[in-house]
Amino acid sequence: MAKLKPGDTAPDFELSDQNGKTRKLADYRGRKLLIYFYPQADTPGCTTQACGIRSSMNELLDVDILPIGISPDTPEVQKLFDDKYCLGFPLLSDADHRVADAYGVWGEKTTYGNRMEGIIRSAFIVDEDGRILDAFYRITPEETVPFALEVVEGAKKK
């Protein structure tokens, strides 16, 4: 599993969101993104992570970060997750995990003592030109927003 690092070009994607709309990385040129990968919608950790992002939306938007969640769930499952928790940001379906592979977040992991292949919860800050500002593999749900804010605030100081 190759890991992305600051300065790398963010792998392109073209995925359906929870409303069936096709979203491409190129559509977001000129915006900073928090792209985060999560294993499964409406599970405890993924709900904590998504609701933390939703609750911090004003802080993220204040520093011009748009969040995008990606998981192997279908658009229909993503829609139920969005509606249940009023998330209000794009949740993309990567059912064949091509995008997860490209970002280096699909691999072997241990969940509740069981080894399996799947999404390794991770987050990436992508700059306005489509380059990785920073990457955090094996991030916890609670670390996602602070990571994003810290990266962008640090980039502003440079």
N, C-alpha and C. Protein backbone atom coordinates (compact mmCIF):
# COMPACT_ATOMS: atom_id res chain seq x y z
N MET A 1 0.84 -1.17 0.00
CA MET A 1 0.00 0.00 0.00
C MET A 1 0.89 1.24 0.00
N ALA A 2 0.93 1.96 -1.09
CA ALA A 2 1.73 3.19 -1.20
C ALA A 2 1.00 4.32 -0.51
N LYS A 3 1.72 5.06 0.31
CA LYS A 3 1.11 6.17 1.04
C LYS A 3 1.42 7.49 0.36
N LEU A 4 0.42 8.36 0.34
CA LEU A 4 0.62 9.69 -0.20
C LEU A 4 1.30 10.57 0.85
N LYS A 5 2.03 11.56 0.36
CA LYS A 5 2.72 12.47 1.28
C LYS A 5 2.56 13.90 0.77
N PRO A 6 2.85 14.88 1.62
CA PRO A 6 2.71 16.27 1.20
C PRO A 6 3.46 16.55 -0.11
N GLY A 7 2.79 17.28 -0.99
CA GLY A 7 3.36 17.61 -2.29
C GLY A 7 2.92 16.70 -3.41
N ASP A 8 2.46 15.48 -3.06
CA ASP A 8 1.97 14.56 -4.09
C ASP A 8 0.69 15.11 -4.71
N THR A 9 0.46 14.75 -5.96
CA THR A 9 -0.81 15.09 -6.60
C THR A 9 -1.88 14.15 -6.05
N ALA A 10 -3.00 14.72 -5.64
CA ALA A 10 -4.09 13.90 -5.13
C ALA A 10 -4.65 13.05 -6.27
N PRO A 11 -4.82 11.75 -6.05
CA PRO A 11 -5.40 10.91 -7.09
C PRO A 11 -6.80 11.39 -7.47
N ASP A 12 -7.03 11.44 -8.76
CA ASP A 12 -8.32 11.89 -9.27
C ASP A 12 -9.41 10.88 -8.90
N PHE A 13 -10.62 11.33 -8.89
CA PHE A 13 -11.75 10.42 -8.69
C PHE A 13 -12.96 10.94 -9.44
N GLU A 14 -13.86 10.03 -9.71
CA GLU A 14 -15.17 10.33 -10.28
C GLU A 14 -16.12 9.31 -9.66
N LEU A 15 -16.88 9.77 -8.66
CA LEU A 15 -17.73 8.88 -7.87
C LEU A 15 -19.11 9.51 -7.70
N SER A 16 -20.10 8.66 -7.42
CA SER A 16 -21.45 9.13 -7.15
C SER A 16 -21.59 9.50 -5.68
N ASP A 17 -22.31 10.60 -5.44
CA ASP A 17 -22.55 10.98 -4.06
C ASP A 17 -23.88 10.40 -3.58
N GLN A 18 -24.28 10.77 -2.39
CA GLN A 18 -25.49 10.22 -1.78
C GLN A 18 -26.76 10.61 -2.52
N ASN A 19 -26.68 11.59 -3.40
CA ASN A 19 -27.84 12.01 -4.18
C ASN A 19 -27.78 11.53 -5.63
N GLY A 20 -26.78 10.70 -5.95
CA GLY A 20 -26.64 10.17 -7.30
C GLY A 20 -25.89 11.10 -8.23
N LYS A 21 -25.40 12.22 -7.73
CA LYS A 21 -24.66 13.17 -8.56
C LYS A 21 -23.21 12.71 -8.67
N THR A 22 -22.65 12.78 -9.88
CA THR A 22 -21.25 12.43 -10.09
C THR A 22 -20.37 13.58 -9.61
N ARG A 23 -19.41 13.25 -8.78
CA ARG A 23 -18.46 14.24 -8.25
C ARG A 23 -17.07 13.84 -8.70
N LYS A 24 -16.31 14.85 -9.18
CA LYS A 24 -14.93 14.64 -9.61
C LYS A 24 -14.02 15.54 -8.79
N LEU A 25 -12.81 15.08 -8.56
CA LEU A 25 -11.84 15.91 -7.85
C LEU A 25 -11.65 17.23 -8.60
N ALA A 26 -11.61 17.19 -9.91
CA ALA A 26 -11.40 18.39 -10.72
C ALA A 26 -12.48 19.45 -10.48
N ASP A 27 -13.67 19.03 -10.08
CA ASP A 27 -14.76 19.97 -9.80
C ASP A 27 -14.43 20.90 -8.63
N TYR A 28 -13.47 20.51 -7.83
CA TYR A 28 -13.16 21.26 -6.60
C TYR A 28 -11.87 22.07 -6.70
N ARG A 29 -11.30 22.20 -7.92
CA ARG A 29 -10.11 23.03 -8.08
C ARG A 29 -10.41 24.42 -7.55
N GLY A 30 -9.45 24.99 -6.85
CA GLY A 30 -9.65 26.31 -6.26
C GLY A 30 -10.20 26.26 -4.84
N ARG A 31 -10.48 25.05 -4.33
CA ARG A 31 -10.97 24.86 -2.96
C ARG A 31 -10.03 23.92 -2.22
N LYS A 32 -9.87 24.16 -0.93
CA LYS A 32 -9.17 23.19 -0.08
C LYS A 32 -10.19 22.13 0.33
N LEU A 33 -9.74 20.90 0.37
CA LEU A 33 -10.62 19.80 0.72
C LEU A 33 -10.09 19.01 1.91
N LEU A 34 -11.01 18.54 2.71
CA LEU A 34 -10.75 17.49 3.69
C LEU A 34 -11.40 16.25 3.09
N ILE A 35 -10.59 15.38 2.52
CA ILE A 35 -11.10 14.12 1.99
C ILE A 35 -10.81 13.06 3.04
N TYR A 36 -11.88 12.46 3.55
CA TYR A 36 -11.66 11.43 4.56
C TYR A 36 -12.34 10.14 4.13
N PHE A 37 -11.67 9.04 4.43
CA PHE A 37 -12.15 7.71 4.09
C PHE A 37 -12.62 7.04 5.37
N TYR A 38 -13.81 6.46 5.32
CA TYR A 38 -14.36 5.79 6.49
C TYR A 38 -14.89 4.42 6.09
N PRO A 39 -14.83 3.45 7.01
CA PRO A 39 -15.17 2.07 6.65
C PRO A 39 -16.63 1.79 6.32
N GLN A 40 -17.57 2.33 7.12
CA GLN A 40 -18.97 1.95 6.90
C GLN A 40 -19.90 2.97 7.54
N ALA A 41 -20.83 3.46 6.74
CA ALA A 41 -21.80 4.45 7.21
C ALA A 41 -22.62 3.91 8.37
N ASP A 42 -22.95 4.81 9.28
CA ASP A 42 -23.86 4.54 10.40
C ASP A 42 -23.35 3.49 11.37
N THR A 43 -22.04 3.38 11.49
CA THR A 43 -21.43 2.58 12.55
C THR A 43 -20.91 3.57 13.59
N PRO A 44 -20.63 3.13 14.80
CA PRO A 44 -20.29 4.09 15.86
C PRO A 44 -19.13 5.04 15.53
N GLY A 45 -17.99 4.52 15.08
CA GLY A 45 -16.85 5.39 14.78
C GLY A 45 -17.11 6.31 13.62
N CYS A 46 -17.75 5.80 12.58
CA CYS A 46 -18.02 6.61 11.39
C CYS A 46 -19.06 7.68 11.68
N THR A 47 -20.02 7.37 12.55
CA THR A 47 -21.01 8.37 12.94
C THR A 47 -20.35 9.46 13.77
N THR A 48 -19.50 9.08 14.71
CA THR A 48 -18.76 10.07 15.51
C THR A 48 -17.96 10.99 14.60
N GLN A 49 -17.27 10.41 13.63
CA GLN A 49 -16.44 11.19 12.72
C GLN A 49 -17.29 12.15 11.88
N ALA A 50 -18.32 11.63 11.24
CA ALA A 50 -19.16 12.46 10.36
C ALA A 50 -19.88 13.55 11.14
N CYS A 51 -20.41 13.22 12.31
CA CYS A 51 -21.12 14.22 13.11
C CYS A 51 -20.15 15.26 13.66
N GLY A 52 -18.91 14.86 13.94
CA GLY A 52 -17.90 15.83 14.36
C GLY A 52 -17.59 16.81 13.25
N ILE A 53 -17.54 16.33 12.04
CA ILE A 53 -17.30 17.20 10.88
C ILE A 53 -18.50 18.12 10.70
N ARG A 54 -19.70 17.57 10.75
CA ARG A 54 -20.92 18.38 10.62
C ARG A 54 -20.96 19.48 11.68
N SER A 55 -20.66 19.13 12.92
CA SER A 55 -20.71 20.09 14.01
C SER A 55 -19.63 21.16 13.89
N SER A 56 -18.57 20.88 13.16
CA SER A 56 -17.46 21.82 12.98
C SER A 56 -17.48 22.48 11.61
N MET A 57 -18.60 22.35 10.91
CA MET A 57 -18.67 22.86 9.53
C MET A 57 -18.32 24.34 9.45
N ASN A 58 -18.82 25.16 10.37
CA ASN A 58 -18.51 26.60 10.31
C ASN A 58 -17.02 26.84 10.46
N GLU A 59 -16.37 26.14 11.38
CA GLU A 59 -14.91 26.28 11.56
C GLU A 59 -14.17 25.89 10.29
N LEU A 60 -14.60 24.79 9.67
CA LEU A 60 -13.95 24.32 8.44
C LEU A 60 -14.16 25.33 7.31
N LEU A 61 -15.38 25.80 7.16
CA LEU A 61 -15.66 26.76 6.09
C LEU A 61 -14.96 28.09 6.33
N ASP A 62 -14.76 28.45 7.60
CA ASP A 62 -14.04 29.70 7.91
C ASP A 62 -12.61 29.68 7.38
N VAL A 63 -12.02 28.49 7.27
CA VAL A 63 -10.66 28.38 6.71
C VAL A 63 -10.72 27.77 5.30
N ASP A 64 -11.92 27.82 4.70
CA ASP A 64 -12.14 27.43 3.30
C ASP A 64 -11.86 25.95 3.04
N ILE A 65 -12.23 25.09 3.98
CA ILE A 65 -12.10 23.64 3.79
C ILE A 65 -13.49 23.06 3.55
N LEU A 66 -13.63 22.32 2.47
CA LEU A 66 -14.86 21.60 2.18
C LEU A 66 -14.63 20.12 2.48
N PRO A 67 -15.44 19.51 3.36
CA PRO A 67 -15.27 18.08 3.64
C PRO A 67 -15.95 17.19 2.60
N ILE A 68 -15.31 16.06 2.33
CA ILE A 68 -15.85 15.03 1.45
C ILE A 68 -15.54 13.68 2.08
N GLY A 69 -16.57 12.90 2.33
CA GLY A 69 -16.39 11.57 2.89
C GLY A 69 -16.47 10.52 1.79
N ILE A 70 -15.66 9.48 1.89
CA ILE A 70 -15.65 8.40 0.91
C ILE A 70 -15.66 7.07 1.65
N SER A 71 -16.55 6.18 1.24
CA SER A 71 -16.60 4.82 1.80
C SER A 71 -17.07 3.86 0.72
N PRO A 72 -17.00 2.55 0.99
CA PRO A 72 -17.48 1.58 0.00
C PRO A 72 -19.00 1.44 -0.03
N ASP A 73 -19.71 2.18 0.82
CA ASP A 73 -21.17 2.09 0.86
C ASP A 73 -21.80 2.57 -0.45
N THR A 74 -22.96 2.05 -0.76
CA THR A 74 -23.69 2.49 -1.96
C THR A 74 -24.23 3.91 -1.74
N PRO A 75 -24.56 4.61 -2.83
CA PRO A 75 -25.16 5.94 -2.67
C PRO A 75 -26.44 5.91 -1.83
N GLU A 76 -27.20 4.84 -1.94
CA GLU A 76 -28.44 4.73 -1.17
C GLU A 76 -28.16 4.66 0.33
N VAL A 77 -27.16 3.89 0.71
CA VAL A 77 -26.77 3.79 2.12
C VAL A 77 -26.20 5.13 2.59
N GLN A 78 -25.40 5.78 1.74
CA GLN A 78 -24.86 7.09 2.08
C GLN A 78 -25.99 8.10 2.30
N LYS A 79 -27.03 8.04 1.47
CA LYS A 79 -28.17 8.95 1.59
C LYS A 79 -28.89 8.75 2.92
N LEU A 80 -29.11 7.50 3.31
CA LEU A 80 -29.74 7.22 4.60
C LEU A 80 -28.90 7.78 5.75
N PHE A 81 -27.59 7.63 5.66
CA PHE A 81 -26.65 8.14 6.67
C PHE A 81 -26.73 9.66 6.73
N ASP A 82 -26.69 10.31 5.58
CA ASP A 82 -26.77 11.76 5.50
C ASP A 82 -28.09 12.25 6.09
N ASP A 83 -29.20 11.64 5.69
CA ASP A 83 -30.51 12.07 6.17
C ASP A 83 -30.66 11.86 7.68
N LYS A 84 -30.20 10.73 8.17
CA LYS A 84 -30.35 10.41 9.59
C LYS A 84 -29.63 11.42 10.48
N TYR A 85 -28.45 11.87 10.05
CA TYR A 85 -27.64 12.75 10.89
C TYR A 85 -27.52 14.18 10.34
N CYS A 86 -28.28 14.50 9.29
CA CYS A 86 -28.27 15.84 8.69
C CYS A 86 -26.84 16.32 8.46
N LEU A 87 -26.05 15.50 7.74
CA LEU A 87 -24.63 15.79 7.56
C LEU A 87 -24.41 16.97 6.63
N GLY A 88 -25.01 16.96 5.45
CA GLY A 88 -24.97 18.13 4.58
C GLY A 88 -23.69 18.35 3.80
N PHE A 89 -22.89 17.33 3.62
CA PHE A 89 -21.70 17.44 2.77
C PHE A 89 -21.61 16.17 1.93
N PRO A 90 -20.82 16.19 0.84
CA PRO A 90 -20.78 15.03 -0.06
C PRO A 90 -20.23 13.77 0.61
N LEU A 91 -20.96 12.69 0.41
CA LEU A 91 -20.54 11.34 0.82
C LEU A 91 -20.48 10.53 -0.46
N LEU A 92 -19.29 10.07 -0.81
CA LEU A 92 -19.09 9.42 -2.10
C LEU A 92 -18.97 7.91 -1.95
N SER A 93 -19.50 7.22 -2.95
CA SER A 93 -19.51 5.75 -2.96
C SER A 93 -18.35 5.22 -3.79
N ASP A 94 -17.47 4.47 -3.13
CA ASP A 94 -16.31 3.85 -3.78
C ASP A 94 -16.43 2.33 -3.61
N ALA A 95 -17.52 1.78 -4.17
CA ALA A 95 -17.85 0.37 -3.95
C ALA A 95 -16.75 -0.59 -4.39
N ASP A 96 -16.03 -0.27 -5.45
CA ASP A 96 -14.98 -1.18 -5.92
C ASP A 96 -13.61 -0.82 -5.34
N HIS A 97 -13.58 0.12 -4.46
CA HIS A 97 -12.40 0.62 -3.72
C HIS A 97 -11.22 1.03 -4.60
N ARG A 98 -11.50 1.44 -5.84
CA ARG A 98 -10.42 1.94 -6.72
C ARG A 98 -9.79 3.21 -6.16
N VAL A 99 -10.64 4.12 -5.69
CA VAL A 99 -10.13 5.38 -5.15
C VAL A 99 -9.40 5.12 -3.83
N ALA A 100 -9.96 4.27 -3.00
CA ALA A 100 -9.29 3.91 -1.74
C ALA A 100 -7.91 3.31 -2.03
N ASP A 101 -7.82 2.47 -3.04
CA ASP A 101 -6.52 1.91 -3.43
C ASP A 101 -5.55 3.02 -3.85
N ALA A 102 -6.04 3.97 -4.66
CA ALA A 102 -5.19 5.05 -5.16
C ALA A 102 -4.66 5.93 -4.03
N TYR A 103 -5.46 6.09 -2.97
CA TYR A 103 -5.04 6.90 -1.82
C TYR A 103 -4.27 6.08 -0.78
N GLY A 104 -4.17 4.78 -1.01
CA GLY A 104 -3.42 3.92 -0.10
C GLY A 104 -4.13 3.61 1.20
N VAL A 105 -5.48 3.61 1.16
CA VAL A 105 -6.24 3.40 2.39
C VAL A 105 -7.03 2.08 2.39
N TRP A 106 -6.84 1.27 1.38
CA TRP A 106 -7.48 -0.04 1.35
C TRP A 106 -6.42 -1.06 1.71
N GLY A 107 -6.67 -1.86 2.74
CA GLY A 107 -5.68 -2.83 3.12
C GLY A 107 -6.15 -3.69 4.27
N GLU A 108 -5.22 -4.46 4.80
CA GLU A 108 -5.54 -5.34 5.90
C GLU A 108 -5.64 -4.54 7.19
N LYS A 109 -6.66 -4.85 7.96
CA LYS A 109 -6.85 -4.19 9.24
C LYS A 109 -7.47 -5.19 10.21
N THR A 110 -7.46 -4.82 11.46
CA THR A 110 -8.06 -5.65 12.49
C THR A 110 -9.23 -4.90 13.09
N THR A 111 -10.39 -5.52 13.05
CA THR A 111 -11.61 -4.93 13.61
C THR A 111 -12.21 -5.93 14.58
N TYR A 112 -12.32 -5.49 15.83
CA TYR A 112 -12.86 -6.37 16.88
C TYR A 112 -12.16 -7.73 16.91
N GLY A 113 -10.84 -7.71 16.72
CA GLY A 113 -10.03 -8.91 16.78
C GLY A 113 -10.01 -9.73 15.50
N ASN A 114 -10.75 -9.32 14.49
CA ASN A 114 -10.79 -10.06 13.23
C ASN A 114 -9.96 -9.33 12.17
N ARG A 115 -9.11 -10.08 11.46
CA ARG A 115 -8.34 -9.51 10.35
C ARG A 115 -9.20 -9.53 9.10
N MET A 116 -9.16 -8.41 8.38
CA MET A 116 -9.96 -8.30 7.17
C MET A 116 -9.38 -7.24 6.26
N GLU A 117 -9.84 -7.22 5.02
CA GLU A 117 -9.48 -6.17 4.07
C GLU A 117 -10.57 -5.11 4.12
N GLY A 118 -10.16 -3.87 4.05
CA GLY A 118 -11.16 -2.80 4.04
C GLY A 118 -10.51 -1.44 4.12
N ILE A 119 -11.34 -0.44 4.33
CA ILE A 119 -10.89 0.95 4.45
C ILE A 119 -10.15 1.11 5.77
N ILE A 120 -8.99 1.71 5.68
CA ILE A 120 -8.24 2.12 6.86
C ILE A 120 -8.56 3.60 7.03
N ARG A 121 -9.26 3.92 8.11
CA ARG A 121 -9.74 5.29 8.32
C ARG A 121 -8.57 6.27 8.18
N SER A 122 -8.70 7.22 7.26
CA SER A 122 -7.61 8.14 6.94
C SER A 122 -8.20 9.46 6.47
N ALA A 123 -7.37 10.52 6.54
CA ALA A 123 -7.81 11.85 6.11
C ALA A 123 -6.69 12.54 5.35
N PHE A 124 -7.10 13.35 4.38
CA PHE A 124 -6.17 14.07 3.52
C PHE A 124 -6.63 15.51 3.37
N ILE A 125 -5.70 16.43 3.44
CA ILE A 125 -6.00 17.81 3.11
C ILE A 125 -5.41 18.05 1.73
N VAL A 126 -6.27 18.48 0.82
CA VAL A 126 -5.88 18.73 -0.57
C VAL A 126 -5.99 20.24 -0.80
N ASP A 127 -4.95 20.81 -1.39
CA ASP A 127 -4.95 22.26 -1.63
C ASP A 127 -5.74 22.63 -2.88
N GLU A 128 -5.78 23.91 -3.16
CA GLU A 128 -6.57 24.43 -4.28
C GLU A 128 -6.08 23.94 -5.64
N ASP A 129 -4.83 23.49 -5.71
CA ASP A 129 -4.27 23.00 -6.97
C ASP A 129 -4.31 21.48 -7.10
N GLY A 130 -4.93 20.80 -6.12
CA GLY A 130 -5.04 19.35 -6.19
C GLY A 130 -3.83 18.61 -5.66
N ARG A 131 -3.05 19.26 -4.80
CA ARG A 131 -1.89 18.62 -4.19
C ARG A 131 -2.18 18.31 -2.73
N ILE A 132 -1.57 17.23 -2.26
CA ILE A 132 -1.72 16.84 -0.86
C ILE A 132 -0.95 17.82 0.02
N LEU A 133 -1.65 18.48 0.93
CA LEU A 133 -0.99 19.31 1.94
C LEU A 133 -0.49 18.43 3.07
N ASP A 134 -1.33 17.44 3.45
CA ASP A 134 -0.92 16.49 4.48
C ASP A 134 -1.84 15.27 4.44
N ALA A 135 -1.35 14.18 4.99
CA ALA A 135 -2.10 12.93 5.03
C ALA A 135 -1.97 12.34 6.43
N PHE A 136 -3.04 11.75 6.91
CA PHE A 136 -3.05 11.12 8.24
C PHE A 136 -3.70 9.76 8.07
N TYR A 137 -2.88 8.72 8.04
CA TYR A 137 -3.36 7.35 7.95
C TYR A 137 -3.66 6.84 9.35
N ARG A 138 -4.72 6.04 9.45
CA ARG A 138 -5.16 5.48 10.73
C ARG A 138 -5.55 6.58 11.72
N ILE A 139 -6.26 7.56 11.22
CA ILE A 139 -6.75 8.65 12.05
C ILE A 139 -7.93 8.14 12.88
N THR A 140 -8.11 8.71 14.06
CA THR A 140 -9.30 8.38 14.84
C THR A 140 -10.42 9.33 14.44
N PRO A 141 -11.66 8.95 14.71
CA PRO A 141 -12.77 9.85 14.37
C PRO A 141 -12.61 11.24 15.01
N GLU A 142 -12.15 11.26 16.24
CA GLU A 142 -12.03 12.52 16.98
C GLU A 142 -10.87 13.40 16.49
N GLU A 143 -9.90 12.82 15.82
CA GLU A 143 -8.74 13.58 15.36
C GLU A 143 -8.96 14.27 14.02
N THR A 144 -10.03 13.94 13.32
CA THR A 144 -10.20 14.40 11.94
C THR A 144 -10.27 15.92 11.81
N VAL A 145 -11.17 16.55 12.54
CA VAL A 145 -11.32 18.01 12.42
C VAL A 145 -10.08 18.73 12.95
N PRO A 146 -9.57 18.39 14.14
CA PRO A 146 -8.35 19.08 14.59
C PRO A 146 -7.19 18.95 13.61
N PHE A 147 -7.03 17.79 12.98
CA PHE A 147 -6.00 17.59 11.97
C PHE A 147 -6.18 18.58 10.83
N ALA A 148 -7.40 18.66 10.30
CA ALA A 148 -7.67 19.55 9.17
C ALA A 148 -7.37 21.00 9.52
N LEU A 149 -7.84 21.44 10.66
CA LEU A 149 -7.64 22.83 11.07
C LEU A 149 -6.16 23.13 11.31
N GLU A 150 -5.47 22.19 11.93
CA GLU A 150 -4.04 22.38 12.20
C GLU A 150 -3.23 22.48 10.91
N VAL A 151 -3.53 21.63 9.95
CA VAL A 151 -2.80 21.65 8.67
C VAL A 151 -3.01 22.98 7.96
N VAL A 152 -4.24 23.42 7.89
CA VAL A 152 -4.53 24.67 7.17
C VAL A 152 -3.97 25.87 7.92
N GLU A 153 -4.08 25.89 9.23
CA GLU A 153 -3.51 27.00 10.00
C GLU A 153 -1.99 27.02 9.86
N GLY A 154 -1.37 25.84 9.87
CA GLY A 154 0.08 25.75 9.68
C GLY A 154 0.51 26.21 8.30
N ALA A 155 -0.28 25.89 7.29
CA ALA A 155 0.05 26.30 5.91
C ALA A 155 -0.06 27.82 5.77
N LYS A 156 -1.00 28.43 6.50
CA LYS A 156 -1.16 29.88 6.45
C LYS A 156 0.06 30.61 7.02
N LYS A 157 0.69 29.99 8.02
CA LYS A 157 1.83 30.62 8.70
C LYS A 157 3.10 30.57 7.88
N LYS A 158 3.14 29.70 6.88
CA LYS A 158 4.36 29.54 6.07
C LYS A 158 4.53 30.67 5.10
